[in-house]
Protein backbone atom coordinates (compact mmCIF):
# COMPACT_ATOMS: atom_id res chain seq x y z
CA MET A 1 4.74 3.24 -1.00
CA HIS A 2 1.19 2.03 -0.87
CA LEU A 3 -0.22 -0.12 -3.68
CA ILE A 4 -4.02 -0.30 -3.66
CA ILE A 5 -5.56 -2.94 -5.91
CA ASP A 6 -9.24 -3.34 -6.72
CA GLY A 7 -9.92 -6.62 -8.52
CA TYR A 8 -13.11 -7.15 -10.52
CA HIS A 9 -14.58 -10.36 -11.94
CA ALA A 10 -12.33 -12.48 -9.75
CA ASP A 11 -12.72 -16.24 -9.49
CA SER A 12 -15.33 -16.62 -6.72
CA LYS A 13 -13.97 -20.05 -5.73
CA LYS A 14 -10.49 -18.64 -5.17
CA ILE A 15 -11.56 -15.52 -3.31
CA SER A 16 -13.86 -17.56 -1.05
CA ASP A 17 -11.09 -19.99 -0.10
CA LYS A 18 -9.30 -19.10 3.15
CA SER A 19 -6.29 -21.22 2.17
CA VAL A 20 -5.77 -19.29 -1.11
CA VAL A 21 -5.84 -15.97 0.76
CA TYR A 22 -3.55 -17.40 3.47
CA ASP A 23 -1.05 -18.73 0.91
CA PHE A 24 -0.91 -15.35 -0.85
CA LEU A 25 -0.30 -13.51 2.43
CA ASN A 26 2.25 -16.10 3.52
CA LYS A 27 4.32 -16.11 0.30
CA HIS A 28 3.98 -12.63 -1.19
CA PRO A 29 6.19 -10.78 1.33
CA LYS A 30 9.20 -12.90 0.38
CA GLU A 31 8.40 -12.55 -3.33
CA ILE A 32 8.62 -8.74 -3.06
CA GLU A 33 11.65 -8.91 -0.73
CA MET A 34 9.83 -7.98 2.47
CA THR A 35 10.21 -9.42 5.98
CA LYS A 36 7.20 -11.26 7.39
CA LEU A 37 6.84 -10.69 11.15
CA ILE A 38 3.88 -12.95 11.96
CA GLU A 39 1.89 -15.72 10.41
CA PRO A 40 -1.00 -14.39 8.30
CA GLN A 41 -4.32 -13.89 10.05
CA VAL A 42 -7.33 -14.86 7.89
CA TYR A 43 -11.00 -14.69 8.86
CA VAL A 44 -14.43 -15.23 7.33
CA TYR A 45 -16.81 -12.28 7.66
CA ARG A 46 -20.58 -12.42 7.25
CA GLY A 47 -22.42 -9.11 6.96
CA GLU A 48 -26.10 -8.33 7.32
CA LYS A 49 -26.64 -8.68 3.57
CA LYS A 50 -26.00 -12.11 2.05
CA GLN A 51 -23.61 -10.73 -0.59
CA ASP A 52 -21.52 -8.90 2.03
CA TRP A 53 -19.69 -11.99 3.21
CA GLY A 54 -16.06 -12.64 2.42
CA ILE A 55 -12.55 -13.41 3.53
CA SER A 56 -10.36 -10.81 5.23
CA GLY A 57 -6.73 -11.30 6.07
CA PHE A 58 -3.51 -9.50 6.78
CA VAL A 59 0.13 -10.08 7.47
CA LEU A 60 2.45 -7.73 9.31
CA ILE A 61 5.76 -7.18 7.63
CA ALA A 62 8.73 -5.27 9.03
CA GLU A 63 8.12 -2.70 6.31
CA SER A 64 4.38 -2.33 7.24
CA HIS A 65 1.56 -4.72 6.13
CA ILE A 66 -0.37 -6.49 3.40
CA SER A 67 -4.15 -6.87 3.65
CA VAL A 68 -6.82 -8.63 1.59
CA HIS A 69 -10.62 -8.29 1.64
CA THR A 70 -12.80 -10.41 -0.64
CA PHE A 71 -16.47 -10.34 -1.63
CA PRO A 72 -17.03 -13.63 -3.49
CA ASP A 73 -20.70 -13.03 -4.39
CA ARG A 74 -19.64 -9.79 -6.06
CA GLY A 75 -16.47 -11.21 -7.67
CA TYR A 76 -14.54 -8.40 -5.99
CA ILE A 77 -11.27 -8.31 -4.03
CA ASN A 78 -9.21 -5.45 -2.67
CA ILE A 79 -5.59 -5.67 -1.63
CA ASP A 80 -3.33 -3.15 0.06
CA ILE A 81 0.43 -3.53 0.06
CA PHE A 82 1.87 -0.82 2.27
CA SER A 83 5.62 -0.53 2.68
CA CYS A 84 8.20 2.06 3.63
CA LYS A 85 10.50 0.24 1.19
CA ASN A 86 10.09 0.26 -2.60
CA PHE A 87 8.94 -2.95 -4.25
CA ASP A 88 8.09 -4.22 -7.73
CA ILE A 89 4.53 -3.01 -8.32
CA THR A 90 4.16 -4.72 -11.69
CA LYS A 91 5.20 -8.05 -10.20
CA SER A 92 2.66 -7.69 -7.38
CA GLU A 93 -0.14 -6.81 -9.80
CA LYS A 94 0.66 -9.78 -12.07
CA GLN A 95 0.81 -12.22 -9.17
CA VAL A 96 -2.46 -10.96 -7.69
CA LYS A 97 -4.22 -11.33 -11.06
CA LYS A 98 -2.85 -14.85 -11.49
CA ILE A 99 -3.41 -16.15 -7.95
CA PHE A 100 -7.01 -14.91 -7.68
CA ASN A 101 -7.80 -15.27 -11.41
CA ILE A 102 -8.87 -11.64 -11.73
CA ASN A 103 -10.08 -10.38 -15.11
CA GLN A 104 -9.70 -6.67 -14.42
CA ILE A 105 -7.77 -4.64 -11.87
CA LYS A 106 -7.57 -0.99 -11.07
CA SER A 107 -4.61 0.07 -9.01
CA VAL A 108 -3.28 3.20 -7.42
CA VAL A 109 0.17 3.85 -5.97
CA ILE A 110 0.62 6.39 -3.23
CA ASP A 111 4.12 7.41 -2.22
CA ARG A 112 4.33 7.02 1.53
CA GLY A 113 6.78 5.99 4.16
CA ILE A 114 10.43 6.73 4.62
CA ASP A 115 11.90 8.81 1.82
CA PHE A 116 15.52 8.46 2.89
CA GLU A 117 17.46 5.33 3.71
CA ASP A 118 20.50 7.39 4.76
CA PRO A 119 19.96 9.48 7.93
CA GLU A 120 22.60 12.01 6.81
CA GLU A 121 20.75 12.54 3.51
CA MET A 122 17.54 13.07 5.48
CA MET A 123 19.20 15.69 7.71
CA ARG A 124 20.64 17.55 4.68
CA GLU A 125 17.23 17.58 2.97
CA MET A 126 15.50 18.77 6.15
CA SER A 127 18.08 21.54 6.55
CA ASN A 128 17.68 22.62 2.91
CA SER A 129 13.88 22.60 3.25
CA ARG A 130 14.06 24.76 6.38
CA THR A 131 16.48 27.20 4.69
CA ASN A 132 14.19 27.47 1.66
CA LEU A 133 11.14 27.94 3.88
CA SER A 134 12.93 30.66 5.90
CA ALA A 135 13.90 32.44 2.68
CA GLN A 136 10.29 32.30 1.46
CA VAL A 137 8.98 33.69 4.75
CA MET A 138 11.53 36.54 4.69
CA SER A 139 10.68 37.30 1.06
CA ASN A 140 6.96 37.45 1.90
CA LYS A 141 7.62 39.77 4.85
CA GLU A 142 9.71 42.07 2.64
CA LYS A 143 6.98 42.20 -0.01
CA LYS A 144 4.36 43.09 2.61
CA SER A 145 6.54 45.86 4.10
CA GLY A 146 7.51 47.23 0.71
CA TYR A 147 11.24 46.68 1.43
CA THR A 148 13.37 45.00 -1.26
CA ASN A 149 17.08 44.66 -1.91
CA ASP A 150 16.72 46.08 -5.44
């Protein structure tokens, strides 16, 4: 699953502080029961336009990654939490709002990653999908040729 958060009217002091971004990336994986693989990487970015500066950071987790990009002069932050394992979306949203003092968020969840934890279940589903697809192809061929079993 992939949680995409856009935060508006965020506290500019918090989203311009590398240590706040680092702490979030360092602690949040454990809070959503993920496995942190490396220490968070956090950098300051300065664009061509004055208001395009901000903090960007990420942490690799065994389940994928978490990234943060801030734009303090705009009061804007975006966060991606990407995982092949389900996690508590509501908890993540609440913590993000609290940590970065965000007034308004818009979020989207995209189902991604591994759908099956059990390899046997995956093989059964793949087999069923192939059988259904073969039946659909045969049915379409019969319709085109005018042949039916009726």
